[in-house]
Amino acid sequence: MSSSGSTYGDIHRYEPARESTAAAIAIVLLTVIEVIFVFFFIFAMISGWAGTEFGNQFLGAILALIFIDLAFILALYRKEFLPDVMIVKKRRRKWEDLYIDSEDVDGTQIGTDKAWDTVKRAIYPYYKR
Protein backbone atom coordinates (compact mmCIF):
# COMPACT_ATOMS: atom_id res chain seq x y z
CA MET A 1 0.00 0.00 0.00
CA SER A 2 1.57 3.26 -1.03
CA SER A 3 1.19 6.47 0.86
CA SER A 4 0.43 8.71 -2.11
CA GLY A 5 0.60 12.17 -0.63
CA SER A 6 -0.55 11.07 2.81
CA THR A 7 1.39 12.24 5.80
CA TYR A 8 1.72 10.72 9.22
CA GLY A 9 -1.48 10.94 11.25
CA ASP A 10 -3.82 11.74 8.34
CA ILE A 11 -7.14 9.92 8.23
CA HIS A 12 -6.97 7.70 5.16
CA ARG A 13 -10.50 6.26 5.36
CA TYR A 14 -13.46 7.23 7.51
CA GLU A 15 -16.74 5.38 7.27
CA PRO A 16 -19.43 6.43 9.75
CA ALA A 17 -21.17 3.80 11.85
CA ARG A 18 -24.33 2.14 10.52
CA GLU A 19 -26.27 2.57 13.77
CA SER A 20 -28.94 0.03 12.87
CA THR A 21 -32.11 -0.25 14.92
CA ALA A 22 -31.95 -4.06 14.96
CA ALA A 23 -28.49 -3.93 16.55
CA ALA A 24 -29.71 -1.46 19.18
CA ILE A 25 -32.65 -3.72 20.07
CA ALA A 26 -30.33 -6.74 20.21
CA ILE A 27 -27.94 -4.90 22.53
CA VAL A 28 -30.81 -3.92 24.83
CA LEU A 29 -32.11 -7.51 24.95
CA LEU A 30 -28.63 -8.91 25.57
CA THR A 31 -28.14 -6.35 28.35
CA VAL A 32 -31.39 -7.45 30.02
CA ILE A 33 -30.23 -11.09 29.78
CA GLU A 34 -26.86 -10.01 31.22
CA VAL A 35 -28.55 -8.38 34.22
CA ILE A 36 -30.65 -11.52 34.81
CA PHE A 37 -27.53 -13.73 34.71
CA VAL A 38 -25.67 -11.43 37.11
CA PHE A 39 -28.64 -11.31 39.50
CA PHE A 40 -28.92 -15.12 39.37
CA PHE A 41 -25.16 -15.51 39.99
CA ILE A 42 -25.27 -13.17 43.01
CA PHE A 43 -28.37 -14.89 44.38
CA ALA A 44 -26.68 -18.31 44.04
CA MET A 45 -23.55 -17.04 45.78
CA ILE A 46 -25.54 -15.57 48.69
CA SER A 47 -27.64 -18.73 48.98
CA GLY A 48 -24.52 -20.87 49.33
CA TRP A 49 -24.93 -23.00 46.21
CA ALA A 50 -21.16 -23.03 45.75
CA GLY A 51 -20.81 -25.51 48.63
CA THR A 52 -21.58 -28.55 46.49
CA GLU A 53 -19.82 -29.91 43.44
CA PHE A 54 -22.90 -29.43 41.26
CA GLY A 55 -23.35 -25.89 42.60
CA ASN A 56 -19.75 -25.03 41.77
CA GLN A 57 -20.17 -26.25 38.20
CA PHE A 58 -23.49 -24.44 37.90
CA LEU A 59 -22.03 -21.15 39.11
CA GLY A 60 -19.08 -21.60 36.75
CA ALA A 61 -21.47 -22.09 33.85
CA ILE A 62 -23.47 -18.99 34.84
CA LEU A 63 -20.26 -16.97 35.05
CA ALA A 64 -19.20 -18.23 31.62
CA LEU A 65 -22.60 -17.23 30.20
CA ILE A 66 -22.17 -13.76 31.72
CA PHE A 67 -18.85 -13.23 29.94
CA ILE A 68 -20.05 -14.73 26.64
CA ASP A 69 -23.11 -12.46 26.70
CA LEU A 70 -20.88 -9.46 27.45
CA ALA A 71 -18.63 -10.43 24.53
CA PHE A 72 -21.63 -10.43 22.17
CA ILE A 73 -22.75 -7.03 23.45
CA LEU A 74 -19.29 -5.53 22.91
CA ALA A 75 -18.91 -7.13 19.46
CA LEU A 76 -22.26 -5.77 18.32
CA TYR A 77 -21.44 -2.33 19.68
CA ARG A 78 -18.04 -2.24 17.96
CA LYS A 79 -19.45 -3.40 14.64
CA GLU A 80 -22.56 -1.25 14.47
CA PHE A 81 -21.85 1.90 16.50
CA LEU A 82 -18.14 2.71 16.16
CA PRO A 83 -16.87 4.35 12.95
CA ASP A 84 -14.35 2.58 10.72
CA VAL A 85 -11.27 4.79 10.72
CA MET A 86 -7.91 4.11 9.07
CA ILE A 87 -5.06 6.43 10.06
CA VAL A 88 -1.86 6.66 8.02
CA LYS A 89 1.15 5.46 9.96
CA LYS A 90 4.74 5.82 8.87
CA ARG A 91 6.52 2.49 8.68
CA ARG A 92 10.04 2.82 9.97
CA ARG A 93 12.99 0.71 9.05
CA LYS A 94 15.01 -0.99 11.76
CA TRP A 95 17.99 1.31 11.36
CA GLU A 96 15.73 4.33 11.91
CA ASP A 97 14.88 3.02 15.36
CA LEU A 98 18.58 3.21 16.23
CA TYR A 99 18.79 6.87 15.11
CA ILE A 100 21.28 6.07 12.35
CA ASP A 101 21.49 8.19 9.22
CA SER A 102 20.57 6.54 5.93
CA GLU A 103 24.16 6.75 4.62
CA ASP A 104 25.49 4.95 7.73
CA VAL A 105 23.19 1.92 7.41
CA ASP A 106 25.97 -0.41 6.31
CA GLY A 107 28.32 0.82 9.02
CA THR A 108 31.83 2.20 8.70
CA GLN A 109 35.08 0.44 7.98
CA ILE A 110 37.57 0.50 10.84
CA GLY A 111 41.11 1.07 9.70
CA THR A 112 44.06 -0.21 11.66
CA ASP A 113 45.32 3.33 12.23
CA LYS A 114 42.00 4.33 13.82
CA ALA A 115 41.70 1.25 16.01
CA TRP A 116 43.50 2.88 18.96
CA ASP A 117 41.26 5.98 18.67
CA THR A 118 38.23 3.69 18.73
CA VAL A 119 39.46 2.04 21.92
CA LYS A 120 40.10 5.45 23.51
CA ARG A 121 36.64 6.65 22.44
CA ALA A 122 35.05 3.51 23.95
CA ILE A 123 36.78 4.18 27.25
CA TYR A 124 36.36 7.96 27.20
CA PRO A 125 33.36 9.00 25.07
CA TYR A 126 34.38 12.70 24.76
CA TYR A 127 37.77 11.90 23.19
CA LYS A 128 38.37 14.17 20.11
CA ARG A 129 34.93 15.69 19.80
C-alpha atoms as a PDB file:
ATOM      1  CA  MET A   1       0.000   0.000   0.000  1.00  0.00           C
ATOM      2  CA  SER A   2       1.573   3.259  -1.028  1.00  0.00           C
ATOM      3  CA  SER A   3       1.193   6.474   0.862  1.00  0.00           C
ATOM      4  CA  SER A   4       0.430   8.707  -2.112  1.00  0.00           C
ATOM      5  CA  GLY A   5       0.596  12.173  -0.627  1.00  0.00           C
ATOM      6  CA  SER A   6      -0.551  11.070   2.809  1.00  0.00           C
ATOM      7  CA  THR A   7       1.387  12.241   5.804  1.00  0.00           C
ATOM      8  CA  TYR A   8       1.719  10.720   9.221  1.00  0.00           C
ATOM      9  CA  GLY A   9      -1.476  10.939  11.246  1.00  0.00           C
ATOM     10  CA  ASP A  10      -3.821  11.739   8.338  1.00  0.00           C
ATOM     11  CA  ILE A  11      -7.138   9.922   8.233  1.00  0.00           C
ATOM     12  CA  HIS A  12      -6.970   7.703   5.159  1.00  0.00           C
ATOM     13  CA  ARG A  13     -10.498   6.265   5.362  1.00  0.00           C
ATOM     14  CA  TYR A  14     -13.463   7.233   7.513  1.00  0.00           C
ATOM     15  CA  GLU A  15     -16.740   5.384   7.274  1.00  0.00           C
ATOM     16  CA  PRO A  16     -19.434   6.427   9.751  1.00  0.00           C
ATOM     17  CA  ALA A  17     -21.172   3.797  11.847  1.00  0.00           C
ATOM     18  CA  ARG A  18     -24.328   2.136  10.525  1.00  0.00           C
ATOM     19  CA  GLU A  19     -26.271   2.569  13.774  1.00  0.00           C
ATOM     20  CA  SER A  20     -28.936   0.035  12.866  1.00  0.00           C
ATOM     21  CA  THR A  21     -32.111  -0.253  14.917  1.00  0.00           C
ATOM     22  CA  ALA A  22     -31.948  -4.058  14.965  1.00  0.00           C
ATOM     23  CA  ALA A  23     -28.485  -3.927  16.554  1.00  0.00           C
ATOM     24  CA  ALA A  24     -29.711  -1.460  19.176  1.00  0.00           C
ATOM     25  CA  ILE A  25     -32.645  -3.723  20.071  1.00  0.00           C
ATOM     26  CA  ALA A  26     -30.327  -6.744  20.206  1.00  0.00           C
ATOM     27  CA  ILE A  27     -27.938  -4.899  22.530  1.00  0.00           C
ATOM     28  CA  VAL A  28     -30.807  -3.918  24.832  1.00  0.00           C
ATOM     29  CA  LEU A  29     -32.106  -7.507  24.953  1.00  0.00           C
ATOM     30  CA  LEU A  30     -28.631  -8.912  25.565  1.00  0.00           C
ATOM     31  CA  THR A  31     -28.139  -6.352  28.349  1.00  0.00           C
ATOM     32  CA  VAL A  32     -31.389  -7.453  30.019  1.00  0.00           C
ATOM     33  CA  ILE A  33     -30.234 -11.091  29.783  1.00  0.00           C
ATOM     34  CA  GLU A  34     -26.864 -10.014  31.217  1.00  0.00           C
ATOM     35  CA  VAL A  35     -28.551  -8.376  34.216  1.00  0.00           C
ATOM     36  CA  ILE A  36     -30.652 -11.516  34.806  1.00  0.00           C
ATOM     37  CA  PHE A  37     -27.531 -13.730  34.710  1.00  0.00           C
ATOM     38  CA  VAL A  38     -25.673 -11.427  37.106  1.00  0.00           C
ATOM     39  CA  PHE A  39     -28.641 -11.314  39.499  1.00  0.00           C
ATOM     40  CA  PHE A  40     -28.915 -15.125  39.374  1.00  0.00           C
ATOM     41  CA  PHE A  41     -25.161 -15.506  39.995  1.00  0.00           C
ATOM     42  CA  ILE A  42     -25.268 -13.166  43.010  1.00  0.00           C
ATOM     43  CA  PHE A  43     -28.371 -14.890  44.375  1.00  0.00           C
ATOM     44  CA  ALA A  44     -26.679 -18.308  44.043  1.00  0.00           C
ATOM     45  CA  MET A  45     -23.549 -17.037  45.785  1.00  0.00           C
ATOM     46  CA  ILE A  46     -25.540 -15.571  48.685  1.00  0.00           C
ATOM     47  CA  SER A  47     -27.642 -18.735  48.983  1.00  0.00           C
ATOM     48  CA  GLY A  48     -24.516 -20.868  49.331  1.00  0.00           C
ATOM     49  CA  TRP A  49     -24.933 -23.002  46.214  1.00  0.00           C
ATOM     50  CA  ALA A  50     -21.161 -23.028  45.752  1.00  0.00           C
ATOM     51  CA  GLY A  51     -20.809 -25.506  48.631  1.00  0.00           C
ATOM     52  CA  THR A  52     -21.585 -28.549  46.488  1.00  0.00           C
ATOM     53  CA  GLU A  53     -19.823 -29.915  43.438  1.00  0.00           C
ATOM     54  CA  PHE A  54     -22.902 -29.428  41.258  1.00  0.00           C
ATOM     55  CA  GLY A  55     -23.351 -25.893  42.595  1.00  0.00           C
ATOM     56  CA  ASN A  56     -19.752 -25.026  41.771  1.00  0.00           C
ATOM     57  CA  GLN A  57     -20.170 -26.251  38.202  1.00  0.00           C
ATOM     58  CA  PHE A  58     -23.491 -24.444  37.897  1.00  0.00           C
ATOM     59  CA  LEU A  59     -22.025 -21.151  39.111  1.00  0.00           C
ATOM     60  CA  GLY A  60     -19.083 -21.599  36.751  1.00  0.00           C
ATOM     61  CA  ALA A  61     -21.470 -22.089  33.849  1.00  0.00           C
ATOM     62  CA  ILE A  62     -23.468 -18.994  34.839  1.00  0.00           C
ATOM     63  CA  LEU A  63     -20.261 -16.966  35.052  1.00  0.00           C
ATOM     64  CA  ALA A  64     -19.195 -18.234  31.618  1.00  0.00           C
ATOM     65  CA  LEU A  65     -22.598 -17.227  30.201  1.00  0.00           C
ATOM     66  CA  ILE A  66     -22.165 -13.756  31.720  1.00  0.00           C
ATOM     67  CA  PHE A  67     -18.850 -13.231  29.935  1.00  0.00           C
ATOM     68  CA  ILE A  68     -20.052 -14.725  26.639  1.00  0.00           C
ATOM     69  CA  ASP A  69     -23.113 -12.455  26.703  1.00  0.00           C
ATOM     70  CA  LEU A  70     -20.885  -9.464  27.453  1.00  0.00           C
ATOM     71  CA  ALA A  71     -18.634 -10.427  24.527  1.00  0.00           C
ATOM     72  CA  PHE A  72     -21.627 -10.430  22.172  1.00  0.00           C
ATOM     73  CA  ILE A  73     -22.746  -7.028  23.455  1.00  0.00           C
ATOM     74  CA  LEU A  74     -19.293  -5.534  22.909  1.00  0.00           C
ATOM     75  CA  ALA A  75     -18.906  -7.127  19.462  1.00  0.00           C
ATOM     76  CA  LEU A  76     -22.258  -5.767  18.323  1.00  0.00           C
ATOM     77  CA  TYR A  77     -21.443  -2.330  19.681  1.00  0.00           C
ATOM     78  CA  ARG A  78     -18.039  -2.237  17.960  1.00  0.00           C
ATOM     79  CA  LYS A  79     -19.446  -3.399  14.642  1.00  0.00           C
ATOM     80  CA  GLU A  80     -22.557  -1.245  14.473  1.00  0.00           C
ATOM     81  CA  PHE A  81     -21.849   1.897  16.499  1.00  0.00           C
ATOM     82  CA  LEU A  82     -18.145   2.714  16.160  1.00  0.00           C
ATOM     83  CA  PRO A  83     -16.872   4.352  12.946  1.00  0.00           C
ATOM     84  CA  ASP A  84     -14.350   2.581  10.720  1.00  0.00           C
ATOM     85  CA  VAL A  85     -11.267   4.791  10.723  1.00  0.00           C
ATOM     86  CA  MET A  86      -7.908   4.108   9.072  1.00  0.00           C
ATOM     87  CA  ILE A  87      -5.056   6.430  10.057  1.00  0.00           C
ATOM     88  CA  VAL A  88      -1.862   6.657   8.018  1.00  0.00           C
ATOM     89  CA  LYS A  89       1.150   5.458   9.962  1.00  0.00           C
ATOM     90  CA  LYS A  90       4.741   5.817   8.866  1.00  0.00           C
ATOM     91  CA  ARG A  91       6.519   2.493   8.682  1.00  0.00           C
ATOM     92  CA  ARG A  92      10.037   2.824   9.967  1.00  0.00           C
ATOM     93  CA  ARG A  93      12.993   0.709   9.048  1.00  0.00           C
ATOM     94  CA  LYS A  94      15.008  -0.989  11.759  1.00  0.00           C
ATOM     95  CA  TRP A  95      17.991   1.312  11.361  1.00  0.00           C
ATOM     96  CA  GLU A  96      15.730   4.333  11.911  1.00  0.00           C
ATOM     97  CA  ASP A  97      14.884   3.020  15.364  1.00  0.00           C
ATOM     98  CA  LEU A  98      18.575   3.207  16.229  1.00  0.00           C
ATOM     99  CA  TYR A  99      18.791   6.869  15.107  1.00  0.00           C
ATOM    100  CA  ILE A 100      21.279   6.071  12.349  1.00  0.00           C
ATOM    101  CA  ASP A 101      21.485   8.187   9.217  1.00  0.00           C
ATOM    102  CA  SER A 102      20.573   6.538   5.931  1.00  0.00           C
ATOM    103  CA  GLU A 103      24.158   6.754   4.622  1.00  0.00           C
ATOM    104  CA  ASP A 104      25.486   4.951   7.728  1.00  0.00           C
ATOM    105  CA  VAL A 105      23.189   1.920   7.414  1.00  0.00           C
ATOM    106  CA  ASP A 106      25.973  -0.409   6.313  1.00  0.00           C
ATOM    107  CA  GLY A 107      28.321   0.823   9.018  1.00  0.00           C
ATOM    108  CA  THR A 108      31.830   2.202   8.698  1.00  0.00           C
ATOM    109  CA  GLN A 109      35.084   0.437   7.982  1.00  0.00           C
ATOM    110  CA  ILE A 110      37.573   0.502  10.839  1.00  0.00           C
ATOM    111  CA  GLY A 111      41.108   1.070   9.698  1.00  0.00           C
ATOM    112  CA  THR A 112      44.062  -0.209  11.659  1.00  0.00           C
ATOM    113  CA  ASP A 113      45.320   3.332  12.229  1.00  0.00           C
ATOM    114  CA  LYS A 114      41.996   4.331  13.821  1.00  0.00           C
ATOM    115  CA  ALA A 115      41.697   1.250  16.011  1.00  0.00           C
ATOM    116  CA  TRP A 116      43.497   2.880  18.956  1.00  0.00           C
ATOM    117  CA  ASP A 117      41.265   5.977  18.675  1.00  0.00           C
ATOM    118  CA  THR A 118      38.232   3.693  18.731  1.00  0.00           C
ATOM    119  CA  VAL A 119      39.461   2.036  21.924  1.00  0.00           C
ATOM    120  CA  LYS A 120      40.100   5.446  23.513  1.00  0.00           C
ATOM    121  CA  ARG A 121      36.640   6.652  22.443  1.00  0.00           C
ATOM    122  CA  ALA A 122      35.053   3.505  23.949  1.00  0.00           C
ATOM    123  CA  ILE A 123      36.782   4.180  27.249  1.00  0.00           C
ATOM    124  CA  TYR A 124      36.365   7.958  27.205  1.00  0.00           C
ATOM    125  CA  PRO A 125      33.357   8.996  25.069  1.00  0.00           C
ATOM    126  CA  TYR A 126      34.383  12.697  24.758  1.00  0.00           C
ATOM    127  CA  TYR A 127      37.771  11.903  23.187  1.00  0.00           C
ATOM    128  CA  LYS A 128      38.370  14.170  20.107  1.00  0.00           C
ATOM    129  CA  ARG A 129      34.925  15.688  19.802  1.00  0.00           C
END
